[in-house]
């Protein structure tokens, strides 16, 4: 009986931790604006457009340049 309680506690803790990580990832993906440096833009295959302060092309396409 004691082992079942410990196992239930471990499963509950794991489930709650998983929900916390999922919620944090969702908040990051939806929330804050993403900024990259001009060198990060270039490394991602894009071209920093300092007139519009945007990275154009590559993996950071459309992200603001800080």
Protein backbone atom coordinates (compact mmCIF):
# COMPACT_ATOMS: atom_id res chain seq x y z
CA UNK A 1 0.00 0.00 0.00
CA UNK A 2 2.85 2.36 0.82
CA UNK A 3 4.43 1.80 -2.60
CA UNK A 4 1.16 2.72 -4.33
CA UNK A 5 1.02 6.06 -2.51
CA UNK A 6 4.60 6.87 -3.45
CA UNK A 7 3.95 5.89 -7.08
CA UNK A 8 0.79 8.03 -7.17
CA UNK A 9 2.72 11.00 -5.77
CA UNK A 10 5.48 10.59 -8.36
CA UNK A 11 2.95 10.39 -11.22
CA UNK A 12 1.06 13.45 -9.95
CA UNK A 13 4.27 15.46 -9.59
CA UNK A 14 5.39 14.50 -13.07
CA UNK A 15 2.02 15.45 -14.56
CA UNK A 16 2.02 18.84 -12.84
CA UNK A 17 5.59 19.54 -13.93
CA UNK A 18 4.66 18.70 -17.52
CA UNK A 19 1.74 21.13 -17.43
CA UNK A 20 4.00 23.86 -16.07
CA UNK A 21 6.51 23.42 -18.88
CA UNK A 22 3.77 23.40 -21.50
CA UNK A 23 2.23 26.56 -20.11
CA UNK A 24 5.61 28.34 -20.04
CA UNK A 25 6.38 27.36 -23.62
CA UNK A 26 2.97 28.56 -24.80
CA UNK A 27 3.34 31.88 -23.00
CA UNK A 28 6.75 32.45 -24.58
CA UNK A 29 5.56 31.55 -28.06
CA UNK A 30 2.50 33.80 -27.89
CA UNK A 31 3.67 36.61 -25.65
CA UNK A 32 6.81 38.67 -25.79
CA UNK A 33 8.17 40.11 -29.00
CA UNK A 34 11.37 38.53 -30.23
CA UNK A 35 14.48 40.62 -30.80
CA UNK A 36 17.68 39.54 -32.52
CA UNK A 37 21.00 41.27 -33.07
CA UNK A 38 22.17 42.03 -36.61
CA UNK A 39 24.80 39.27 -36.32
CA UNK A 40 22.18 36.73 -35.18
CA UNK A 41 20.08 37.70 -38.19
CA UNK A 42 23.05 37.09 -40.51
CA UNK A 43 23.91 33.79 -38.82
CA UNK A 44 20.32 32.65 -39.39
CA UNK A 45 20.67 33.34 -43.11
CA UNK A 46 18.85 36.66 -43.15
CA UNK A 47 19.70 40.24 -43.98
CA UNK A 48 19.35 42.90 -41.27
CA UNK A 49 17.29 45.82 -42.56
CA UNK A 50 18.23 48.65 -40.21
CA UNK A 51 15.80 51.05 -41.90
CA UNK A 52 12.79 48.98 -40.79
CA UNK A 53 14.63 47.36 -37.85
CA UNK A 54 13.64 43.91 -39.14
CA UNK A 55 15.49 40.77 -40.08
CA UNK A 56 14.50 39.82 -43.62
CA UNK A 57 14.78 36.19 -44.67
CA UNK A 58 16.41 33.25 -42.94
CA UNK A 59 15.34 31.63 -39.70
CA UNK A 60 14.68 35.01 -37.97
CA UNK A 61 12.53 36.43 -40.79
CA UNK A 62 10.29 39.25 -39.56
CA UNK A 63 11.85 39.49 -36.11
CA UNK A 64 12.75 42.91 -34.77
CA UNK A 65 16.42 43.90 -34.60
CA UNK A 66 17.61 45.30 -31.31
